[in-house]
Amino acid sequence: MYEYTDGTSQFDEIVDPLPFDINASVIEIKDEDYALFYRDITEEPKKYDGKTVSFKGQVARLRREKEGMFAPGRFVMTCCEADITFMGLPCKFVGSEGLKPRSWVQVTAKVTVQRHPLYKGVGPILTALTVAPASAAAQEVATF
């Protein structure tokens, strides 16, 4: 939004480019771009349908989920320290039971858009191609 000296304002119509290549064979998400990626994939999941993504995240368990699922993600701060929330994506992975909660992993996965209780409708579901141990992100809480 632009605010002028006379007190009027005008919305910015310029679309900001994403900091990662959505058309790459594997969409590589840098640690510092996780929050933007999460917002984009959950707001426009169809844009990612059929694509492969790779990112670093922490292991989270889904409370009412079947075996073979976990939710890799990051703690994200949208405004201030009080609003820090874990934001993960449901991920199908045969070896999920062996993953330690809150451990860091590098996930490469195929995205499909499906119905899931977490979304109360449709949303992005990952199917892991690889899940490997990883070091923690330099900044453990992701920001916009």
N, C-alpha and C. Protein backbone atom coordinates (compact mmCIF):
# COMPACT_ATOMS: atom_id res chain seq x y z
N MET A 1 0.84 -1.16 0.00
CA MET A 1 0.00 0.00 0.00
C MET A 1 0.90 1.23 0.00
N TYR A 2 0.51 2.21 -0.80
CA TYR A 2 1.22 3.48 -0.85
C TYR A 2 0.38 4.53 -0.13
N GLU A 3 1.01 5.27 0.75
CA GLU A 3 0.33 6.38 1.42
C GLU A 3 0.96 7.67 0.94
N TYR A 4 0.12 8.58 0.48
CA TYR A 4 0.59 9.85 -0.05
C TYR A 4 0.54 10.92 1.03
N THR A 5 1.26 12.02 0.79
CA THR A 5 1.35 13.10 1.79
C THR A 5 0.01 13.79 2.01
N ASP A 6 -0.91 13.68 1.05
CA ASP A 6 -2.23 14.31 1.24
C ASP A 6 -3.18 13.43 2.05
N GLY A 7 -2.68 12.25 2.53
CA GLY A 7 -3.50 11.38 3.36
C GLY A 7 -4.21 10.27 2.61
N THR A 8 -4.19 10.32 1.28
CA THR A 8 -4.82 9.25 0.51
C THR A 8 -3.87 8.06 0.41
N SER A 9 -4.44 6.94 0.05
CA SER A 9 -3.62 5.74 -0.10
C SER A 9 -4.09 4.94 -1.31
N GLN A 10 -3.21 4.08 -1.78
CA GLN A 10 -3.51 3.25 -2.94
C GLN A 10 -2.87 1.89 -2.73
N PHE A 11 -3.62 0.82 -3.04
CA PHE A 11 -3.09 -0.53 -2.89
C PHE A 11 -2.06 -0.82 -3.97
N ASP A 12 -1.04 -1.53 -3.59
CA ASP A 12 0.02 -1.96 -4.49
C ASP A 12 -0.49 -3.16 -5.29
N GLU A 13 -0.51 -3.07 -6.60
CA GLU A 13 -0.98 -4.16 -7.46
C GLU A 13 0.16 -5.03 -7.97
N ILE A 14 1.39 -4.72 -7.57
CA ILE A 14 2.55 -5.46 -8.05
C ILE A 14 2.64 -6.80 -7.33
N VAL A 15 2.77 -7.88 -8.10
CA VAL A 15 2.89 -9.21 -7.52
C VAL A 15 4.37 -9.46 -7.22
N ASP A 16 4.67 -9.75 -5.95
CA ASP A 16 6.05 -10.03 -5.56
C ASP A 16 6.41 -11.45 -6.00
N PRO A 17 7.58 -11.61 -6.65
CA PRO A 17 7.98 -12.96 -7.07
C PRO A 17 8.36 -13.82 -5.87
N LEU A 18 8.13 -15.11 -5.99
CA LEU A 18 8.53 -16.04 -4.93
C LEU A 18 10.05 -16.19 -4.94
N PRO A 19 10.66 -16.44 -3.79
CA PRO A 19 12.12 -16.56 -3.72
C PRO A 19 12.64 -17.95 -4.12
N PHE A 20 11.79 -18.75 -4.75
CA PHE A 20 12.19 -20.08 -5.20
C PHE A 20 11.53 -20.33 -6.55
N ASP A 21 12.09 -21.24 -7.33
CA ASP A 21 11.62 -21.51 -8.68
C ASP A 21 10.51 -22.56 -8.67
N ILE A 22 9.29 -22.11 -8.86
CA ILE A 22 8.12 -22.98 -8.84
C ILE A 22 8.10 -23.94 -10.04
N ASN A 23 8.89 -23.64 -11.07
CA ASN A 23 8.92 -24.48 -12.27
C ASN A 23 10.12 -25.42 -12.33
N ALA A 24 10.94 -25.43 -11.29
CA ALA A 24 12.10 -26.33 -11.25
C ALA A 24 11.63 -27.78 -11.13
N SER A 25 12.47 -28.72 -11.55
CA SER A 25 12.09 -30.13 -11.42
C SER A 25 11.93 -30.50 -9.95
N VAL A 26 12.77 -29.91 -9.09
CA VAL A 26 12.61 -30.02 -7.64
C VAL A 26 12.63 -28.60 -7.09
N ILE A 27 11.55 -28.19 -6.46
CA ILE A 27 11.47 -26.84 -5.89
C ILE A 27 12.24 -26.85 -4.57
N GLU A 28 13.40 -26.19 -4.56
CA GLU A 28 14.28 -26.16 -3.39
C GLU A 28 13.90 -24.97 -2.51
N ILE A 29 13.50 -25.25 -1.27
CA ILE A 29 13.11 -24.20 -0.33
C ILE A 29 14.26 -23.96 0.64
N LYS A 30 14.80 -22.75 0.62
CA LYS A 30 15.86 -22.39 1.57
C LYS A 30 15.24 -22.23 2.95
N ASP A 31 16.08 -22.40 3.98
CA ASP A 31 15.59 -22.28 5.37
C ASP A 31 14.85 -20.96 5.59
N GLU A 32 15.41 -19.87 5.08
CA GLU A 32 14.82 -18.55 5.32
C GLU A 32 13.54 -18.31 4.52
N ASP A 33 13.18 -19.22 3.61
CA ASP A 33 11.98 -19.05 2.79
C ASP A 33 10.83 -19.97 3.19
N TYR A 34 10.99 -20.75 4.27
CA TYR A 34 9.96 -21.72 4.63
C TYR A 34 8.61 -21.06 4.89
N ALA A 35 8.58 -19.95 5.62
CA ALA A 35 7.30 -19.30 5.95
C ALA A 35 6.55 -18.88 4.68
N LEU A 36 7.27 -18.30 3.73
CA LEU A 36 6.63 -17.90 2.46
C LEU A 36 6.14 -19.12 1.69
N PHE A 37 6.95 -20.17 1.67
CA PHE A 37 6.55 -21.41 1.00
C PHE A 37 5.29 -21.99 1.64
N TYR A 38 5.26 -22.07 2.96
CA TYR A 38 4.11 -22.65 3.65
C TYR A 38 2.83 -21.85 3.34
N ARG A 39 2.94 -20.53 3.41
CA ARG A 39 1.77 -19.70 3.12
C ARG A 39 1.31 -19.92 1.68
N ASP A 40 2.24 -19.95 0.75
CA ASP A 40 1.88 -20.09 -0.65
C ASP A 40 1.27 -21.46 -0.96
N ILE A 41 1.87 -22.53 -0.45
CA ILE A 41 1.37 -23.87 -0.75
C ILE A 41 0.01 -24.13 -0.09
N THR A 42 -0.26 -23.50 1.05
CA THR A 42 -1.56 -23.71 1.69
C THR A 42 -2.63 -22.77 1.13
N GLU A 43 -2.23 -21.62 0.58
CA GLU A 43 -3.20 -20.71 -0.03
C GLU A 43 -3.52 -21.10 -1.47
N GLU A 44 -2.53 -21.64 -2.19
CA GLU A 44 -2.71 -22.02 -3.59
C GLU A 44 -2.17 -23.43 -3.84
N PRO A 45 -2.76 -24.44 -3.19
CA PRO A 45 -2.21 -25.79 -3.31
C PRO A 45 -2.20 -26.35 -4.73
N LYS A 46 -3.17 -25.97 -5.55
CA LYS A 46 -3.23 -26.51 -6.92
C LYS A 46 -2.01 -26.12 -7.74
N LYS A 47 -1.38 -25.01 -7.38
CA LYS A 47 -0.18 -24.55 -8.08
C LYS A 47 0.97 -25.54 -7.90
N TYR A 48 0.94 -26.31 -6.80
CA TYR A 48 2.01 -27.25 -6.46
C TYR A 48 1.64 -28.70 -6.78
N ASP A 49 0.40 -28.94 -7.19
CA ASP A 49 -0.08 -30.31 -7.43
C ASP A 49 0.80 -31.00 -8.48
N GLY A 50 1.35 -32.17 -8.10
CA GLY A 50 2.19 -32.95 -9.01
C GLY A 50 3.65 -32.54 -9.01
N LYS A 51 3.99 -31.50 -8.27
CA LYS A 51 5.37 -31.02 -8.23
C LYS A 51 6.14 -31.68 -7.09
N THR A 52 7.46 -31.58 -7.16
CA THR A 52 8.33 -32.12 -6.12
C THR A 52 8.97 -30.95 -5.37
N VAL A 53 8.94 -31.02 -4.05
CA VAL A 53 9.52 -29.97 -3.20
C VAL A 53 10.57 -30.58 -2.28
N SER A 54 11.52 -29.75 -1.86
CA SER A 54 12.54 -30.19 -0.92
C SER A 54 12.77 -29.08 0.10
N PHE A 55 12.67 -29.42 1.38
CA PHE A 55 12.86 -28.43 2.44
C PHE A 55 13.30 -29.11 3.72
N LYS A 56 13.82 -28.30 4.64
CA LYS A 56 14.24 -28.78 5.95
C LYS A 56 13.15 -28.42 6.95
N GLY A 57 12.83 -29.37 7.83
CA GLY A 57 11.82 -29.12 8.84
C GLY A 57 11.99 -30.03 10.04
N GLN A 58 11.15 -29.81 11.01
CA GLN A 58 11.14 -30.66 12.20
C GLN A 58 10.01 -31.67 12.09
N VAL A 59 10.22 -32.81 12.71
CA VAL A 59 9.24 -33.89 12.70
C VAL A 59 8.14 -33.60 13.71
N ALA A 60 6.90 -33.69 13.27
CA ALA A 60 5.74 -33.59 14.17
C ALA A 60 4.82 -34.76 13.89
N ARG A 61 4.17 -35.23 14.91
CA ARG A 61 3.19 -36.31 14.79
C ARG A 61 1.80 -35.70 14.62
N LEU A 62 0.99 -36.36 13.83
CA LEU A 62 -0.40 -35.95 13.68
C LEU A 62 -1.22 -36.76 14.66
N ARG A 63 -2.01 -36.12 15.48
CA ARG A 63 -2.72 -36.79 16.59
C ARG A 63 -3.62 -37.92 16.16
N ARG A 64 -4.46 -37.68 15.18
CA ARG A 64 -5.43 -38.71 14.79
C ARG A 64 -5.08 -39.30 13.42
N GLU A 65 -3.82 -39.52 13.20
CA GLU A 65 -3.40 -40.00 11.89
C GLU A 65 -3.04 -41.47 11.92
N LYS A 66 -3.20 -42.08 10.79
CA LYS A 66 -2.81 -43.48 10.64
C LYS A 66 -1.28 -43.57 10.63
N GLU A 67 -0.80 -44.81 10.80
CA GLU A 67 0.64 -45.03 10.70
C GLU A 67 1.08 -44.67 9.29
N GLY A 68 2.34 -44.33 9.17
CA GLY A 68 2.86 -43.99 7.86
C GLY A 68 2.68 -42.53 7.50
N MET A 69 2.39 -41.69 8.50
CA MET A 69 2.22 -40.25 8.27
C MET A 69 2.96 -39.47 9.35
N PHE A 70 3.47 -38.31 8.98
CA PHE A 70 3.98 -37.34 9.93
C PHE A 70 3.83 -35.97 9.29
N ALA A 71 4.21 -34.92 9.99
CA ALA A 71 4.07 -33.57 9.45
C ALA A 71 5.39 -32.82 9.60
N PRO A 72 6.22 -32.81 8.55
CA PRO A 72 7.42 -31.99 8.63
C PRO A 72 7.04 -30.52 8.52
N GLY A 73 7.69 -29.69 9.32
CA GLY A 73 7.37 -28.27 9.28
C GLY A 73 8.31 -27.47 10.15
N ARG A 74 7.92 -26.24 10.40
CA ARG A 74 8.74 -25.32 11.18
C ARG A 74 7.84 -24.51 12.10
N PHE A 75 8.41 -24.03 13.19
CA PHE A 75 7.73 -23.03 13.99
C PHE A 75 7.85 -21.72 13.23
N VAL A 76 6.73 -21.01 13.08
CA VAL A 76 6.69 -19.78 12.28
C VAL A 76 6.14 -18.64 13.13
N MET A 77 6.80 -17.49 13.03
CA MET A 77 6.33 -16.28 13.71
C MET A 77 5.80 -15.34 12.64
N THR A 78 4.49 -15.05 12.69
CA THR A 78 3.90 -14.17 11.69
C THR A 78 3.97 -12.70 12.09
N CYS A 79 3.94 -12.43 13.38
CA CYS A 79 3.92 -11.04 13.84
C CYS A 79 4.87 -10.83 15.00
N CYS A 80 4.61 -11.54 16.08
CA CYS A 80 5.39 -11.35 17.31
C CYS A 80 5.59 -12.69 18.01
N GLU A 81 6.41 -12.68 19.03
CA GLU A 81 6.76 -13.92 19.73
C GLU A 81 5.53 -14.68 20.24
N ALA A 82 4.49 -13.97 20.63
CA ALA A 82 3.29 -14.60 21.19
C ALA A 82 2.53 -15.44 20.15
N ASP A 83 2.76 -15.19 18.86
CA ASP A 83 1.99 -15.93 17.84
C ASP A 83 2.79 -17.05 17.16
N ILE A 84 3.91 -17.45 17.73
CA ILE A 84 4.70 -18.53 17.14
C ILE A 84 3.89 -19.83 17.16
N THR A 85 3.74 -20.44 15.98
CA THR A 85 2.94 -21.65 15.81
C THR A 85 3.68 -22.63 14.90
N PHE A 86 3.52 -23.92 15.17
CA PHE A 86 4.11 -24.92 14.28
C PHE A 86 3.24 -25.02 13.04
N MET A 87 3.88 -24.96 11.88
CA MET A 87 3.17 -25.05 10.61
C MET A 87 3.82 -26.15 9.77
N GLY A 88 3.14 -27.30 9.73
CA GLY A 88 3.66 -28.44 9.01
C GLY A 88 2.68 -28.94 7.97
N LEU A 89 3.15 -29.84 7.13
CA LEU A 89 2.34 -30.39 6.06
C LEU A 89 2.22 -31.91 6.23
N PRO A 90 1.02 -32.46 6.13
CA PRO A 90 0.86 -33.92 6.24
C PRO A 90 1.72 -34.61 5.18
N CYS A 91 2.46 -35.63 5.61
CA CYS A 91 3.39 -36.31 4.71
C CYS A 91 3.30 -37.82 4.89
N LYS A 92 3.05 -38.52 3.80
CA LYS A 92 3.04 -39.98 3.82
C LYS A 92 4.48 -40.47 3.75
N PHE A 93 4.86 -41.31 4.71
CA PHE A 93 6.22 -41.85 4.75
C PHE A 93 6.21 -43.16 5.50
N VAL A 94 6.56 -44.25 4.83
CA VAL A 94 6.52 -45.59 5.41
C VAL A 94 7.33 -45.67 6.70
N GLY A 95 8.45 -44.99 6.79
CA GLY A 95 9.31 -45.06 7.98
C GLY A 95 9.02 -44.02 9.03
N SER A 96 7.84 -43.43 9.00
CA SER A 96 7.55 -42.31 9.92
C SER A 96 7.61 -42.70 11.39
N GLU A 97 7.29 -43.95 11.71
CA GLU A 97 7.28 -44.38 13.12
C GLU A 97 8.68 -44.29 13.73
N GLY A 98 9.71 -44.40 12.91
CA GLY A 98 11.09 -44.34 13.41
C GLY A 98 11.64 -42.94 13.56
N LEU A 99 10.85 -41.92 13.20
CA LEU A 99 11.32 -40.54 13.31
C LEU A 99 11.08 -40.00 14.71
N LYS A 100 12.07 -39.33 15.26
CA LYS A 100 11.96 -38.76 16.60
C LYS A 100 11.27 -37.40 16.51
N PRO A 101 10.18 -37.19 17.28
CA PRO A 101 9.50 -35.89 17.28
C PRO A 101 10.48 -34.75 17.55
N ARG A 102 10.32 -33.67 16.81
CA ARG A 102 11.11 -32.44 16.88
C ARG A 102 12.52 -32.58 16.34
N SER A 103 12.87 -33.77 15.81
CA SER A 103 14.18 -33.90 15.15
C SER A 103 14.10 -33.19 13.80
N TRP A 104 15.25 -32.77 13.30
CA TRP A 104 15.32 -32.07 12.02
C TRP A 104 15.57 -33.07 10.90
N VAL A 105 14.84 -32.87 9.79
CA VAL A 105 14.97 -33.73 8.62
C VAL A 105 14.95 -32.90 7.34
N GLN A 106 15.58 -33.43 6.32
CA GLN A 106 15.48 -32.86 4.98
C GLN A 106 14.50 -33.74 4.22
N VAL A 107 13.42 -33.15 3.76
CA VAL A 107 12.35 -33.90 3.09
C VAL A 107 12.30 -33.52 1.61
N THR A 108 12.27 -34.52 0.76
CA THR A 108 11.97 -34.31 -0.65
C THR A 108 10.72 -35.12 -0.91
N ALA A 109 9.69 -34.46 -1.44
CA ALA A 109 8.38 -35.12 -1.54
C ALA A 109 7.59 -34.62 -2.75
N LYS A 110 6.71 -35.48 -3.21
CA LYS A 110 5.77 -35.15 -4.28
C LYS A 110 4.51 -34.58 -3.63
N VAL A 111 3.96 -33.53 -4.21
CA VAL A 111 2.77 -32.87 -3.67
C VAL A 111 1.53 -33.33 -4.44
N THR A 112 0.48 -33.67 -3.70
CA THR A 112 -0.83 -33.90 -4.30
C THR A 112 -1.83 -33.09 -3.48
N VAL A 113 -2.91 -32.72 -4.11
CA VAL A 113 -3.97 -31.99 -3.41
C VAL A 113 -5.08 -32.98 -3.13
N GLN A 114 -5.35 -33.17 -1.83
CA GLN A 114 -6.34 -34.16 -1.40
C GLN A 114 -7.13 -33.64 -0.21
N ARG A 115 -8.20 -34.33 0.06
CA ARG A 115 -9.00 -34.04 1.25
C ARG A 115 -8.24 -34.55 2.47
N HIS A 116 -8.20 -33.75 3.54
CA HIS A 116 -7.53 -34.16 4.78
C HIS A 116 -8.19 -33.43 5.95
N PRO A 117 -8.39 -34.13 7.09
CA PRO A 117 -9.03 -33.50 8.25
C PRO A 117 -8.30 -32.25 8.75
N LEU A 118 -6.99 -32.21 8.60
CA LEU A 118 -6.22 -31.06 9.05
C LEU A 118 -6.69 -29.78 8.37
N TYR A 119 -7.10 -29.90 7.11
CA TYR A 119 -7.53 -28.73 6.34
C TYR A 119 -9.04 -28.52 6.41
N LYS A 120 -9.77 -29.48 6.96
CA LYS A 120 -11.24 -29.43 6.92
C LYS A 120 -11.71 -29.27 5.47
N GLY A 121 -11.04 -29.97 4.59
CA GLY A 121 -11.30 -29.91 3.16
C GLY A 121 -10.07 -30.39 2.43
N VAL A 122 -9.80 -29.79 1.27
CA VAL A 122 -8.62 -30.20 0.50
C VAL A 122 -7.42 -29.31 0.82
N GLY A 123 -6.24 -29.89 0.62
CA GLY A 123 -5.00 -29.16 0.85
C GLY A 123 -3.83 -29.99 0.37
N PRO A 124 -2.62 -29.44 0.50
CA PRO A 124 -1.45 -30.16 0.02
C PRO A 124 -1.07 -31.33 0.93
N ILE A 125 -0.88 -32.49 0.32
CA ILE A 125 -0.42 -33.69 1.02
C ILE A 125 0.89 -34.10 0.36
N LEU A 126 1.90 -34.35 1.17
CA LEU A 126 3.20 -34.76 0.65
C LEU A 126 3.31 -36.28 0.67
N THR A 127 4.00 -36.82 -0.31
CA THR A 127 4.40 -38.23 -0.30
C THR A 127 5.92 -38.21 -0.39
N ALA A 128 6.57 -38.63 0.70
CA ALA A 128 8.02 -38.53 0.79
C ALA A 128 8.72 -39.41 -0.24
N LEU A 129 9.68 -38.83 -0.91
CA LEU A 129 10.59 -39.58 -1.77
C LEU A 129 11.84 -39.91 -0.97
N THR A 130 12.30 -38.93 -0.18
CA THR A 130 13.42 -39.14 0.74
C THR A 130 13.18 -38.33 2.01
N VAL A 131 13.60 -38.90 3.13
CA VAL A 131 13.60 -38.21 4.42
C VAL A 131 14.94 -38.54 5.05
N ALA A 132 15.76 -37.51 5.27
CA ALA A 132 17.11 -37.73 5.80
C ALA A 132 17.35 -36.83 7.01
N PRO A 133 18.14 -37.31 7.98
CA PRO A 133 18.47 -36.46 9.13
C PRO A 133 19.16 -35.18 8.64
N ALA A 134 18.91 -34.08 9.35
CA ALA A 134 19.49 -32.79 8.97
C ALA A 134 19.88 -32.01 10.21
N SER A 135 20.76 -31.06 10.03
CA SER A 135 21.11 -30.16 11.14
C SER A 135 20.00 -29.13 11.28
N ALA A 136 19.89 -28.55 12.45
CA ALA A 136 18.86 -27.53 12.70
C ALA A 136 19.10 -26.31 11.82
N ALA A 137 18.04 -25.63 11.47
CA ALA A 137 18.16 -24.38 10.73
C ALA A 137 18.88 -23.36 11.61
N ALA A 138 19.66 -22.48 11.00
CA ALA A 138 20.38 -21.46 11.76
C ALA A 138 19.40 -20.62 12.58
N GLN A 139 18.28 -20.28 11.98
CA GLN A 139 17.21 -19.57 12.67
C GLN A 139 16.08 -20.57 12.81
N GLU A 140 15.90 -21.12 14.02
CA GLU A 140 14.94 -22.22 14.19
C GLU A 140 13.49 -21.80 13.99
N VAL A 141 13.16 -20.54 14.27
CA VAL A 141 11.81 -20.04 14.04
C VAL A 141 11.82 -19.30 12.71
N ALA A 142 10.98 -19.75 11.78
CA ALA A 142 10.89 -19.11 10.47
C ALA A 142 10.05 -17.84 10.56
N THR A 143 10.39 -16.86 9.75
CA THR A 143 9.66 -15.59 9.73
C THR A 143 9.39 -15.19 8.28
N PHE A 144 8.49 -14.22 8.12
CA PHE A 144 8.17 -13.71 6.78
C PHE A 144 9.10 -12.58 6.43
